[in-house]
Amino acid sequence: MVKNYLPILKINIFLIQLMEHLHKKTGNAGLGIPKKGNYSFSNVANAYISYPLQGLYSTNGISFAFWYKVNAAPDRGGIITINDNANNSDENRNQGLRIFREGNTSKQRIKLNLGTGSAESWNDGGEVNVDGNWVYVTVTISPTQSKIYFNNVLQNTATYTKFDFSTSSTMVVGSGAPSFSYWNHLSDLSLIDDLRVFDKVLQPSDIQGLMQ
């Protein structure tokens, strides 16, 4: 379930909760069948939820962890986006990040595009089967590496010299819009549950604990 900024476990972990004073809702996203708890985040076309980026990452990095049940229609979509700058009409990818999926009705590949200041880094992640099962997705970003895990199994690692959120202000859940709406990475109609954002790099032992 998408939730509000709430420190838990006293180790700089942020659990994102759906609270009126911290999020901005665009469109008519709703609630779906959960993996954990009472509900999951169930999106619809032309919808997403925005959160202020401030406080969600540190110089040590940022991590995202969530349960994900992929819906292959449409054949691509944005999952989590951090905007590059205030101009949503440009195609700049040198700042911010874009976690997205693309593929076909059998398999969808989850990828990461990360701004590095003067360039961009691509992490091609891995493929998830379109079979109605939940997958625990973790994306970690350190000052020099990004990693994508499915069910705590490392899928791919990408290296770079730094990440750059210096002109970024907003995190979006459920779509590439408004800053990554080109290439048709729009609203993702997959289910997302128990989304957590950390201001550090998660290790496999951390991920295993979160999956319980």
N, C-alpha and C. Protein backbone atom coordinates (compact mmCIF):
# COMPACT_ATOMS: atom_id res chain seq x y z
N MET A 1 0.84 -1.19 0.00
CA MET A 1 0.00 0.00 0.00
C MET A 1 0.88 1.24 0.00
N VAL A 2 0.55 2.22 -0.82
CA VAL A 2 1.32 3.46 -0.87
C VAL A 2 0.98 4.27 0.38
N LYS A 3 2.01 4.66 1.17
CA LYS A 3 1.77 5.32 2.45
C LYS A 3 2.60 6.58 2.62
N ASN A 4 2.45 7.27 3.76
CA ASN A 4 3.07 8.58 4.01
C ASN A 4 4.48 8.47 4.59
N TYR A 5 5.24 9.57 4.66
CA TYR A 5 6.59 9.53 5.21
C TYR A 5 6.53 9.21 6.69
N LEU A 6 6.98 8.05 7.07
CA LEU A 6 6.91 7.62 8.46
C LEU A 6 8.18 6.89 8.81
N PRO A 7 9.01 7.42 9.71
CA PRO A 7 10.23 6.72 10.09
C PRO A 7 9.88 5.44 10.85
N ILE A 8 10.50 4.33 10.46
CA ILE A 8 10.30 3.08 11.17
C ILE A 8 11.65 2.43 11.44
N LEU A 9 11.70 1.59 12.42
CA LEU A 9 12.89 0.84 12.79
C LEU A 9 14.07 1.71 13.22
N LYS A 10 13.86 3.04 13.24
CA LYS A 10 14.88 3.98 13.71
C LYS A 10 16.20 3.90 12.93
N ILE A 11 16.12 3.55 11.65
CA ILE A 11 17.35 3.49 10.85
C ILE A 11 17.17 4.26 9.53
N ASN A 12 16.54 5.43 9.63
CA ASN A 12 16.38 6.30 8.47
C ASN A 12 15.61 5.62 7.34
N ILE A 13 14.60 4.84 7.70
CA ILE A 13 13.75 4.21 6.70
C ILE A 13 12.48 5.04 6.59
N PHE A 14 12.02 5.27 5.36
CA PHE A 14 10.80 6.02 5.17
C PHE A 14 9.76 5.13 4.51
N LEU A 15 8.62 5.00 5.19
CA LEU A 15 7.49 4.27 4.64
C LEU A 15 6.53 5.30 4.08
N ILE A 16 6.23 5.21 2.82
CA ILE A 16 5.40 6.22 2.18
C ILE A 16 3.94 5.88 2.36
N GLN A 17 3.20 6.74 3.03
CA GLN A 17 1.78 6.53 3.27
C GLN A 17 0.96 7.54 2.49
N LEU A 18 -0.22 7.13 2.13
CA LEU A 18 -1.11 7.98 1.35
C LEU A 18 -1.81 8.96 2.29
N MET A 19 -1.23 10.14 2.48
CA MET A 19 -1.78 11.14 3.39
C MET A 19 -1.98 12.43 2.61
N GLU A 20 -3.10 13.09 2.86
CA GLU A 20 -3.47 14.25 2.06
C GLU A 20 -2.43 15.37 2.12
N HIS A 21 -1.79 15.59 3.27
CA HIS A 21 -0.90 16.73 3.39
C HIS A 21 0.47 16.48 2.79
N LEU A 22 0.76 15.26 2.33
CA LEU A 22 2.07 14.98 1.79
C LEU A 22 2.06 14.53 0.34
N HIS A 23 0.91 14.23 -0.20
CA HIS A 23 0.90 13.77 -1.57
C HIS A 23 -0.04 14.62 -2.40
N LYS A 24 0.17 14.57 -3.71
CA LYS A 24 -0.73 15.20 -4.66
C LYS A 24 -1.23 14.12 -5.60
N LYS A 25 -2.50 13.95 -5.66
CA LYS A 25 -3.09 12.91 -6.48
C LYS A 25 -3.56 13.49 -7.80
N THR A 26 -3.10 12.90 -8.90
CA THR A 26 -3.54 13.28 -10.24
C THR A 26 -4.33 12.13 -10.83
N GLY A 27 -5.54 12.36 -11.29
CA GLY A 27 -6.37 11.29 -11.82
C GLY A 27 -7.09 10.53 -10.73
N ASN A 28 -7.56 9.34 -11.07
CA ASN A 28 -8.45 8.59 -10.18
C ASN A 28 -7.89 7.22 -9.81
N ALA A 29 -6.62 7.18 -9.43
CA ALA A 29 -6.04 5.92 -8.94
C ALA A 29 -6.80 5.46 -7.70
N GLY A 30 -6.83 4.15 -7.51
CA GLY A 30 -7.61 3.62 -6.40
C GLY A 30 -6.86 2.56 -5.62
N LEU A 31 -7.61 1.67 -4.99
CA LEU A 31 -7.07 0.63 -4.14
C LEU A 31 -7.39 -0.73 -4.74
N GLY A 32 -6.43 -1.65 -4.61
CA GLY A 32 -6.60 -2.97 -5.18
C GLY A 32 -6.38 -4.08 -4.17
N ILE A 33 -6.42 -5.30 -4.65
CA ILE A 33 -6.19 -6.47 -3.81
C ILE A 33 -4.74 -6.45 -3.33
N PRO A 34 -4.49 -6.63 -2.05
CA PRO A 34 -3.12 -6.46 -1.52
C PRO A 34 -2.30 -7.74 -1.54
N LYS A 35 -1.01 -7.56 -1.43
CA LYS A 35 -0.08 -8.63 -1.06
C LYS A 35 0.03 -8.70 0.46
N LYS A 36 0.07 -7.51 1.09
CA LYS A 36 0.14 -7.40 2.54
C LYS A 36 -0.89 -6.36 2.99
N GLY A 37 -1.40 -6.49 4.18
CA GLY A 37 -2.30 -5.48 4.71
C GLY A 37 -3.67 -5.54 4.05
N ASN A 38 -4.30 -4.36 3.94
CA ASN A 38 -5.68 -4.28 3.47
C ASN A 38 -5.83 -3.96 2.00
N TYR A 39 -4.90 -3.17 1.45
CA TYR A 39 -5.05 -2.71 0.08
C TYR A 39 -3.68 -2.60 -0.59
N SER A 40 -3.70 -2.58 -1.92
CA SER A 40 -2.54 -2.20 -2.70
C SER A 40 -2.89 -0.94 -3.48
N PHE A 41 -1.88 -0.35 -4.13
CA PHE A 41 -2.10 0.80 -4.99
C PHE A 41 -2.48 0.29 -6.37
N SER A 42 -3.65 0.66 -6.85
CA SER A 42 -4.17 0.22 -8.14
C SER A 42 -4.37 1.45 -9.01
N ASN A 43 -3.60 1.56 -10.07
CA ASN A 43 -3.62 2.76 -10.89
C ASN A 43 -4.56 2.62 -12.08
N VAL A 44 -4.87 3.76 -12.68
CA VAL A 44 -5.66 3.81 -13.91
C VAL A 44 -4.96 4.74 -14.89
N ALA A 45 -5.43 4.78 -16.11
CA ALA A 45 -4.82 5.64 -17.12
C ALA A 45 -4.86 7.11 -16.68
N ASN A 46 -3.80 7.82 -17.04
CA ASN A 46 -3.70 9.26 -16.78
C ASN A 46 -3.72 9.60 -15.29
N ALA A 47 -3.18 8.72 -14.47
CA ALA A 47 -3.18 8.96 -13.03
C ALA A 47 -1.81 8.65 -12.44
N TYR A 48 -1.49 9.32 -11.35
CA TYR A 48 -0.27 9.07 -10.59
C TYR A 48 -0.35 9.84 -9.29
N ILE A 49 0.59 9.55 -8.40
CA ILE A 49 0.67 10.24 -7.12
C ILE A 49 2.06 10.86 -6.99
N SER A 50 2.11 12.11 -6.57
CA SER A 50 3.37 12.84 -6.45
C SER A 50 3.70 13.10 -4.98
N TYR A 51 4.98 13.05 -4.65
CA TYR A 51 5.47 13.33 -3.31
C TYR A 51 6.67 14.26 -3.39
N PRO A 52 6.87 15.11 -2.40
CA PRO A 52 8.10 15.91 -2.37
C PRO A 52 9.32 15.03 -2.16
N LEU A 53 10.36 15.31 -2.92
CA LEU A 53 11.57 14.50 -2.86
C LEU A 53 12.41 14.79 -1.62
N GLN A 54 12.32 15.98 -1.09
CA GLN A 54 13.19 16.40 0.00
C GLN A 54 13.13 15.41 1.17
N GLY A 55 14.30 14.98 1.64
CA GLY A 55 14.39 14.08 2.78
C GLY A 55 14.35 12.61 2.44
N LEU A 56 14.11 12.27 1.17
CA LEU A 56 13.98 10.86 0.80
C LEU A 56 15.30 10.20 0.43
N TYR A 57 16.33 10.99 0.18
CA TYR A 57 17.62 10.41 -0.18
C TYR A 57 18.73 11.13 0.57
N SER A 58 19.91 10.55 0.56
CA SER A 58 21.07 11.15 1.21
C SER A 58 22.26 11.04 0.27
N THR A 59 23.41 11.54 0.70
CA THR A 59 24.61 11.40 -0.12
C THR A 59 25.02 9.94 -0.24
N ASN A 60 24.52 9.08 0.66
CA ASN A 60 24.81 7.65 0.58
C ASN A 60 23.97 6.95 -0.47
N GLY A 61 22.84 7.57 -0.88
CA GLY A 61 22.03 6.98 -1.92
C GLY A 61 20.56 6.94 -1.59
N ILE A 62 19.85 6.08 -2.29
CA ILE A 62 18.41 5.90 -2.12
C ILE A 62 18.06 4.49 -2.56
N SER A 63 17.04 3.90 -1.93
CA SER A 63 16.56 2.57 -2.31
C SER A 63 15.05 2.56 -2.33
N PHE A 64 14.50 1.75 -3.22
CA PHE A 64 13.06 1.55 -3.32
C PHE A 64 12.80 0.05 -3.18
N ALA A 65 11.79 -0.30 -2.40
CA ALA A 65 11.44 -1.71 -2.23
C ALA A 65 9.92 -1.82 -2.20
N PHE A 66 9.37 -2.77 -2.95
CA PHE A 66 7.91 -2.87 -3.03
C PHE A 66 7.51 -4.21 -3.63
N TRP A 67 6.30 -4.63 -3.28
CA TRP A 67 5.68 -5.79 -3.92
C TRP A 67 5.02 -5.31 -5.21
N TYR A 68 5.12 -6.14 -6.26
CA TYR A 68 4.69 -5.71 -7.59
C TYR A 68 4.03 -6.87 -8.32
N LYS A 69 2.79 -6.66 -8.76
CA LYS A 69 2.10 -7.64 -9.61
C LYS A 69 1.89 -6.99 -10.97
N VAL A 70 2.67 -7.44 -11.95
CA VAL A 70 2.72 -6.75 -13.23
C VAL A 70 1.44 -6.97 -14.03
N ASN A 71 1.02 -5.90 -14.68
CA ASN A 71 -0.05 -5.91 -15.68
C ASN A 71 0.60 -5.49 -16.99
N ALA A 72 0.57 -6.35 -17.99
CA ALA A 72 1.29 -6.10 -19.24
C ALA A 72 0.55 -5.16 -20.18
N ALA A 73 -0.62 -4.71 -19.80
CA ALA A 73 -1.35 -3.75 -20.64
C ALA A 73 -1.45 -2.41 -19.92
N PRO A 74 -0.95 -1.34 -20.55
CA PRO A 74 -0.28 -1.30 -21.84
C PRO A 74 1.10 -1.97 -21.78
N ASP A 75 1.77 -2.06 -22.92
CA ASP A 75 3.01 -2.86 -22.97
C ASP A 75 4.20 -2.16 -22.35
N ARG A 76 4.02 -0.94 -21.83
CA ARG A 76 5.09 -0.22 -21.12
C ARG A 76 4.47 0.77 -20.16
N GLY A 77 5.21 1.15 -19.15
CA GLY A 77 4.69 2.11 -18.19
C GLY A 77 5.77 2.56 -17.23
N GLY A 78 5.56 3.72 -16.63
CA GLY A 78 6.46 4.23 -15.61
C GLY A 78 6.02 3.75 -14.24
N ILE A 79 6.96 3.29 -13.43
CA ILE A 79 6.65 2.77 -12.10
C ILE A 79 6.93 3.83 -11.04
N ILE A 80 8.17 4.32 -11.00
CA ILE A 80 8.57 5.40 -10.08
C ILE A 80 9.46 6.36 -10.86
N THR A 81 9.20 7.64 -10.73
CA THR A 81 9.97 8.65 -11.43
C THR A 81 10.37 9.76 -10.47
N ILE A 82 11.61 10.20 -10.56
CA ILE A 82 12.06 11.44 -9.92
C ILE A 82 12.37 12.42 -11.04
N ASN A 83 11.70 13.57 -11.03
CA ASN A 83 11.81 14.48 -12.17
C ASN A 83 13.24 14.99 -12.35
N ASP A 84 13.57 15.33 -13.59
CA ASP A 84 14.91 15.85 -13.88
C ASP A 84 15.02 17.33 -13.51
N ASN A 85 13.96 18.11 -13.79
CA ASN A 85 13.94 19.53 -13.47
C ASN A 85 12.50 20.02 -13.57
N ALA A 86 12.32 21.32 -13.49
CA ALA A 86 10.97 21.88 -13.50
C ALA A 86 10.33 21.90 -14.88
N ASN A 87 11.12 21.66 -15.92
CA ASN A 87 10.61 21.67 -17.29
C ASN A 87 10.21 20.25 -17.68
N ASN A 88 8.93 19.95 -17.62
CA ASN A 88 8.47 18.59 -17.93
C ASN A 88 8.35 18.31 -19.41
N SER A 89 8.58 19.31 -20.25
CA SER A 89 8.43 19.12 -21.69
C SER A 89 9.74 18.74 -22.38
N ASP A 90 10.86 18.83 -21.65
CA ASP A 90 12.12 18.47 -22.29
C ASP A 90 12.37 16.97 -22.16
N GLU A 91 13.41 16.48 -22.80
CA GLU A 91 13.77 15.07 -22.72
C GLU A 91 15.13 14.91 -22.04
N ASN A 92 15.34 15.69 -21.00
CA ASN A 92 16.58 15.62 -20.25
C ASN A 92 16.53 14.44 -19.28
N ARG A 93 17.56 13.61 -19.31
CA ARG A 93 17.66 12.48 -18.37
C ARG A 93 18.97 12.52 -17.59
N ASN A 94 19.60 13.70 -17.56
CA ASN A 94 20.87 13.82 -16.84
C ASN A 94 20.69 14.03 -15.35
N GLN A 95 19.46 14.28 -14.92
CA GLN A 95 19.14 14.37 -13.50
C GLN A 95 17.92 13.48 -13.22
N GLY A 96 17.70 13.20 -11.94
CA GLY A 96 16.54 12.39 -11.56
C GLY A 96 16.71 10.93 -11.93
N LEU A 97 15.60 10.19 -11.87
CA LEU A 97 15.63 8.77 -12.24
C LEU A 97 14.28 8.34 -12.77
N ARG A 98 14.30 7.19 -13.45
CA ARG A 98 13.11 6.63 -14.04
C ARG A 98 13.16 5.10 -13.90
N ILE A 99 12.27 4.55 -13.10
CA ILE A 99 12.09 3.10 -13.00
C ILE A 99 10.85 2.77 -13.82
N PHE A 100 11.00 1.90 -14.80
CA PHE A 100 9.91 1.66 -15.73
C PHE A 100 9.94 0.21 -16.22
N ARG A 101 8.90 -0.16 -16.93
CA ARG A 101 8.84 -1.51 -17.49
C ARG A 101 8.45 -1.44 -18.96
N GLU A 102 8.82 -2.47 -19.71
CA GLU A 102 8.39 -2.61 -21.09
C GLU A 102 8.59 -4.05 -21.53
N GLY A 103 7.77 -4.49 -22.47
CA GLY A 103 7.87 -5.87 -22.91
C GLY A 103 6.65 -6.31 -23.68
N ASN A 104 6.17 -7.54 -23.37
CA ASN A 104 5.04 -8.10 -24.10
C ASN A 104 4.09 -8.78 -23.12
N THR A 105 3.17 -9.55 -23.64
CA THR A 105 2.15 -10.16 -22.77
C THR A 105 2.68 -11.33 -21.96
N SER A 106 3.88 -11.79 -22.26
CA SER A 106 4.47 -12.92 -21.52
C SER A 106 5.49 -12.47 -20.48
N LYS A 107 6.31 -11.49 -20.83
CA LYS A 107 7.38 -11.01 -19.95
C LYS A 107 7.49 -9.50 -20.04
N GLN A 108 7.79 -8.88 -18.90
CA GLN A 108 8.04 -7.44 -18.84
C GLN A 108 9.39 -7.21 -18.19
N ARG A 109 10.20 -6.36 -18.79
CA ARG A 109 11.51 -6.04 -18.23
C ARG A 109 11.43 -4.75 -17.42
N ILE A 110 11.89 -4.80 -16.18
CA ILE A 110 11.95 -3.62 -15.32
C ILE A 110 13.36 -3.03 -15.41
N LYS A 111 13.43 -1.74 -15.73
CA LYS A 111 14.70 -1.07 -15.98
C LYS A 111 14.81 0.19 -15.13
N LEU A 112 16.02 0.72 -15.08
CA LEU A 112 16.30 1.99 -14.41
C LEU A 112 17.12 2.88 -15.33
N ASN A 113 16.69 4.13 -15.45
CA ASN A 113 17.49 5.17 -16.08
C ASN A 113 17.80 6.21 -15.02
N LEU A 114 19.07 6.54 -14.84
CA LEU A 114 19.52 7.40 -13.75
C LEU A 114 20.35 8.55 -14.29
N GLY A 115 20.04 9.77 -13.85
CA GLY A 115 20.83 10.92 -14.23
C GLY A 115 22.13 10.99 -13.45
N THR A 116 23.22 11.28 -14.15
CA THR A 116 24.54 11.34 -13.52
C THR A 116 25.18 12.72 -13.66
N GLY A 117 24.38 13.73 -13.94
CA GLY A 117 24.90 15.09 -14.03
C GLY A 117 25.13 15.53 -15.45
N SER A 118 26.12 14.96 -16.10
CA SER A 118 26.41 15.31 -17.49
C SER A 118 26.01 14.21 -18.46
N ALA A 119 25.46 13.12 -17.93
CA ALA A 119 25.08 11.98 -18.77
C ALA A 119 23.99 11.18 -18.06
N GLU A 120 23.78 9.94 -18.51
CA GLU A 120 22.77 9.07 -17.92
C GLU A 120 23.32 7.66 -17.83
N SER A 121 22.80 6.90 -16.88
CA SER A 121 23.20 5.50 -16.69
C SER A 121 21.98 4.62 -16.88
N TRP A 122 22.16 3.50 -17.59
CA TRP A 122 21.08 2.56 -17.83
C TRP A 122 21.37 1.25 -17.08
N ASN A 123 20.36 0.78 -16.38
CA ASN A 123 20.42 -0.55 -15.75
C ASN A 123 19.27 -1.35 -16.34
N ASP A 124 19.59 -2.39 -17.09
CA ASP A 124 18.57 -3.15 -17.81
C ASP A 124 17.83 -4.16 -16.93
N GLY A 125 18.15 -4.21 -15.64
CA GLY A 125 17.35 -4.99 -14.69
C GLY A 125 17.13 -6.42 -15.10
N GLY A 126 15.87 -6.83 -15.11
CA GLY A 126 15.54 -8.20 -15.46
C GLY A 126 14.08 -8.30 -15.85
N GLU A 127 13.69 -9.50 -16.29
CA GLU A 127 12.33 -9.73 -16.74
C GLU A 127 11.51 -10.41 -15.65
N VAL A 128 10.25 -10.00 -15.54
CA VAL A 128 9.30 -10.68 -14.68
C VAL A 128 8.25 -11.33 -15.57
N ASN A 129 7.80 -12.51 -15.16
CA ASN A 129 6.77 -13.21 -15.91
C ASN A 129 5.41 -12.56 -15.67
N VAL A 130 4.62 -12.48 -16.71
CA VAL A 130 3.25 -11.97 -16.59
C VAL A 130 2.36 -13.16 -16.26
N ASP A 131 2.35 -13.52 -14.96
CA ASP A 131 1.66 -14.75 -14.56
C ASP A 131 0.75 -14.57 -13.35
N GLY A 132 0.52 -13.31 -12.95
CA GLY A 132 -0.38 -13.06 -11.85
C GLY A 132 0.24 -13.20 -10.47
N ASN A 133 1.56 -13.42 -10.41
CA ASN A 133 2.24 -13.57 -9.13
C ASN A 133 2.89 -12.26 -8.70
N TRP A 134 3.00 -12.08 -7.39
CA TRP A 134 3.69 -10.92 -6.83
C TRP A 134 5.20 -11.16 -6.86
N VAL A 135 5.96 -10.12 -7.15
CA VAL A 135 7.42 -10.13 -7.13
C VAL A 135 7.88 -8.99 -6.23
N TYR A 136 8.89 -9.27 -5.38
CA TYR A 136 9.42 -8.20 -4.54
C TYR A 136 10.57 -7.53 -5.29
N VAL A 137 10.33 -6.27 -5.67
CA VAL A 137 11.29 -5.51 -6.47
C VAL A 137 12.06 -4.56 -5.56
N THR A 138 13.37 -4.57 -5.68
CA THR A 138 14.21 -3.64 -4.93
C THR A 138 15.18 -2.98 -5.90
N VAL A 139 15.25 -1.66 -5.85
CA VAL A 139 16.19 -0.89 -6.65
C VAL A 139 17.05 -0.08 -5.70
N THR A 140 18.36 -0.29 -5.74
CA THR A 140 19.27 0.45 -4.86
C THR A 140 20.19 1.32 -5.70
N ILE A 141 20.45 2.53 -5.19
CA ILE A 141 21.30 3.49 -5.89
C ILE A 141 22.31 4.03 -4.90
N SER A 142 23.56 3.72 -5.12
CA SER A 142 24.66 4.23 -4.31
C SER A 142 25.33 5.35 -5.10
N PRO A 143 26.35 6.01 -4.55
CA PRO A 143 27.05 7.04 -5.32
C PRO A 143 27.70 6.52 -6.60
N THR A 144 27.92 5.20 -6.72
CA THR A 144 28.64 4.68 -7.88
C THR A 144 28.01 3.46 -8.55
N GLN A 145 26.94 2.90 -7.96
CA GLN A 145 26.33 1.69 -8.52
C GLN A 145 24.82 1.69 -8.33
N SER A 146 24.11 1.14 -9.30
CA SER A 146 22.70 0.82 -9.10
C SER A 146 22.52 -0.69 -9.25
N LYS A 147 21.60 -1.24 -8.45
CA LYS A 147 21.31 -2.66 -8.50
C LYS A 147 19.80 -2.87 -8.50
N ILE A 148 19.37 -3.88 -9.24
CA ILE A 148 17.96 -4.26 -9.27
C ILE A 148 17.84 -5.71 -8.85
N TYR A 149 16.98 -5.95 -7.85
CA TYR A 149 16.75 -7.29 -7.33
C TYR A 149 15.29 -7.68 -7.54
N PHE A 150 15.05 -8.97 -7.82
CA PHE A 150 13.71 -9.54 -7.77
C PHE A 150 13.72 -10.65 -6.72
N ASN A 151 12.82 -10.54 -5.75
CA ASN A 151 12.76 -11.53 -4.66
C ASN A 151 14.13 -11.77 -4.04
N ASN A 152 14.88 -10.67 -3.89
CA ASN A 152 16.21 -10.66 -3.27
C ASN A 152 17.26 -11.39 -4.11
N VAL A 153 17.01 -11.59 -5.38
CA VAL A 153 18.00 -12.15 -6.30
C VAL A 153 18.47 -11.02 -7.21
N LEU A 154 19.76 -10.74 -7.19
CA LEU A 154 20.31 -9.65 -8.00
C LEU A 154 20.13 -9.95 -9.48
N GLN A 155 19.52 -9.00 -10.19
CA GLN A 155 19.30 -9.15 -11.63
C GLN A 155 20.38 -8.47 -12.46
N ASN A 156 20.79 -7.27 -12.03
CA ASN A 156 21.77 -6.54 -12.83
C ASN A 156 22.36 -5.40 -12.02
N THR A 157 23.61 -5.04 -12.34
CA THR A 157 24.31 -3.92 -11.71
C THR A 157 24.81 -2.98 -12.79
N ALA A 158 24.67 -1.68 -12.56
CA ALA A 158 25.23 -0.67 -13.46
C ALA A 158 26.14 0.23 -12.65
N THR A 159 27.20 0.73 -13.27
CA THR A 159 28.15 1.60 -12.58
C THR A 159 28.19 2.98 -13.25
N TYR A 160 28.58 3.99 -12.46
CA TYR A 160 28.64 5.38 -12.91
C TYR A 160 29.51 6.13 -11.92
N THR A 161 29.69 7.41 -12.11
CA THR A 161 30.56 8.18 -11.23
C THR A 161 29.81 8.91 -10.13
N LYS A 162 28.52 9.20 -10.34
CA LYS A 162 27.69 9.84 -9.32
C LYS A 162 26.24 9.79 -9.79
N PHE A 163 25.31 10.03 -8.87
CA PHE A 163 23.92 10.30 -9.28
C PHE A 163 23.63 11.77 -8.99
N ASP A 164 22.68 12.33 -9.73
CA ASP A 164 22.43 13.77 -9.64
C ASP A 164 20.94 14.05 -9.53
N PHE A 165 20.51 14.49 -8.34
CA PHE A 165 19.14 14.95 -8.11
C PHE A 165 19.13 16.46 -7.81
N SER A 166 20.15 17.17 -8.24
CA SER A 166 20.33 18.56 -7.82
C SER A 166 19.21 19.48 -8.31
N THR A 167 18.57 19.15 -9.41
CA THR A 167 17.47 19.97 -9.92
C THR A 167 16.13 19.26 -9.81
N SER A 168 16.10 18.15 -9.07
CA SER A 168 14.88 17.35 -8.91
C SER A 168 14.11 17.80 -7.68
N SER A 169 12.79 17.67 -7.73
CA SER A 169 11.97 18.11 -6.61
C SER A 169 10.84 17.16 -6.24
N THR A 170 10.52 16.22 -7.12
CA THR A 170 9.29 15.44 -6.96
C THR A 170 9.52 13.98 -7.30
N MET A 171 8.96 13.10 -6.50
CA MET A 171 8.88 11.68 -6.81
C MET A 171 7.46 11.34 -7.20
N VAL A 172 7.31 10.61 -8.30
CA VAL A 172 5.99 10.19 -8.78
C VAL A 172 5.90 8.67 -8.71
N VAL A 173 4.78 8.18 -8.21
CA VAL A 173 4.50 6.74 -8.15
C VAL A 173 3.38 6.43 -9.13
N GLY A 174 3.60 5.45 -9.99
CA GLY A 174 2.56 4.96 -10.86
C GLY A 174 2.58 5.44 -12.29
N SER A 175 3.58 6.25 -12.67
CA SER A 175 3.62 6.76 -14.04
C SER A 175 4.98 7.38 -14.34
N GLY A 176 5.30 7.46 -15.63
CA GLY A 176 6.44 8.25 -16.05
C GLY A 176 6.09 9.73 -16.14
N ALA A 177 4.82 10.02 -16.29
CA ALA A 177 4.36 11.42 -16.36
C ALA A 177 4.55 12.10 -15.01
N PRO A 178 4.75 13.41 -15.01
CA PRO A 178 4.77 14.27 -16.20
C PRO A 178 6.15 14.45 -16.83
N SER A 179 7.22 14.04 -16.17
CA SER A 179 8.56 14.36 -16.68
C SER A 179 9.13 13.29 -17.61
N PHE A 180 8.56 12.09 -17.62
CA PHE A 180 9.06 11.00 -18.47
C PHE A 180 7.90 10.40 -19.27
N SER A 181 7.09 11.29 -19.82
CA SER A 181 5.92 10.84 -20.57
C SER A 181 6.24 10.49 -22.02
N TYR A 182 7.40 10.90 -22.50
CA TYR A 182 7.81 10.52 -23.85
C TYR A 182 8.15 9.03 -23.87
N TRP A 183 8.18 8.45 -25.05
CA TRP A 183 8.37 7.01 -25.26
C TRP A 183 7.20 6.19 -24.69
N ASN A 184 6.09 6.87 -24.36
CA ASN A 184 4.86 6.22 -23.89
C ASN A 184 5.02 5.46 -22.58
N HIS A 185 5.93 5.90 -21.73
CA HIS A 185 6.01 5.32 -20.38
C HIS A 185 5.07 6.10 -19.46
N LEU A 186 3.79 5.84 -19.65
CA LEU A 186 2.76 6.58 -18.94
C LEU A 186 2.30 5.76 -17.73
N SER A 187 1.03 5.83 -17.40
CA SER A 187 0.53 5.17 -16.19
C SER A 187 0.72 3.65 -16.25
N ASP A 188 1.21 3.10 -15.16
CA ASP A 188 1.39 1.65 -15.02
C ASP A 188 0.17 1.10 -14.28
N LEU A 189 -0.55 0.17 -14.89
CA LEU A 189 -1.75 -0.38 -14.30
C LEU A 189 -1.48 -1.62 -13.45
N SER A 190 -0.21 -1.90 -13.19
CA SER A 190 0.17 -2.99 -12.29
C SER A 190 -0.19 -2.63 -10.85
N LEU A 191 -0.23 -3.63 -9.98
CA LEU A 191 -0.47 -3.39 -8.55
C LEU A 191 0.86 -3.19 -7.83
N ILE A 192 0.90 -2.21 -6.94
CA ILE A 192 2.08 -1.92 -6.11
C ILE A 192 1.65 -1.96 -4.65
N ASP A 193 2.41 -2.66 -3.83
CA ASP A 193 2.04 -2.78 -2.42
C ASP A 193 3.27 -2.61 -1.53
N ASP A 194 3.04 -2.02 -0.37
CA ASP A 194 4.08 -1.88 0.67
C ASP A 194 5.34 -1.21 0.14
N LEU A 195 5.15 -0.09 -0.56
CA LEU A 195 6.28 0.66 -1.11
C LEU A 195 7.04 1.36 -0.01
N ARG A 196 8.35 1.15 0.04
CA ARG A 196 9.20 1.81 1.03
C ARG A 196 10.37 2.47 0.32
N VAL A 197 10.71 3.67 0.78
CA VAL A 197 11.84 4.41 0.24
C VAL A 197 12.83 4.64 1.36
N PHE A 198 14.10 4.34 1.11
CA PHE A 198 15.15 4.43 2.11
C PHE A 198 16.21 5.43 1.67
N ASP A 199 16.77 6.15 2.62
CA ASP A 199 17.83 7.10 2.28
C ASP A 199 19.21 6.45 2.44
N LYS A 200 19.30 5.20 2.05
CA LYS A 200 20.56 4.46 2.09
C LYS A 200 20.46 3.31 1.09
N VAL A 201 21.53 2.59 0.93
CA VAL A 201 21.56 1.44 0.03
C VAL A 201 21.20 0.18 0.82
N LEU A 202 20.13 -0.47 0.43
CA LEU A 202 19.73 -1.72 1.08
C LEU A 202 20.69 -2.84 0.70
N GLN A 203 20.94 -3.70 1.67
CA GLN A 203 21.75 -4.90 1.45
C GLN A 203 20.82 -6.11 1.38
N PRO A 204 21.29 -7.25 0.84
CA PRO A 204 20.43 -8.43 0.76
C PRO A 204 19.80 -8.84 2.09
N SER A 205 20.52 -8.67 3.19
CA SER A 205 19.94 -9.01 4.48
C SER A 205 18.78 -8.09 4.84
N ASP A 206 18.87 -6.81 4.45
CA ASP A 206 17.76 -5.87 4.66
C ASP A 206 16.54 -6.28 3.83
N ILE A 207 16.81 -6.63 2.56
CA ILE A 207 15.72 -7.01 1.66
C ILE A 207 15.01 -8.24 2.17
N GLN A 208 15.77 -9.22 2.62
CA GLN A 208 15.16 -10.44 3.13
C GLN A 208 14.23 -10.15 4.29
N GLY A 209 14.64 -9.25 5.16
CA GLY A 209 13.78 -8.90 6.29
C GLY A 209 12.52 -8.20 5.85
N LEU A 210 12.60 -7.34 4.83
CA LEU A 210 11.43 -6.62 4.35
C LEU A 210 10.43 -7.55 3.67
N MET A 211 10.90 -8.65 3.11
CA MET A 211 10.01 -9.56 2.42
C MET A 211 9.17 -10.39 3.36
N GLN A 212 9.54 -10.43 4.62
CA GLN A 212 8.82 -11.29 5.58
C GLN A 212 7.44 -10.73 5.88
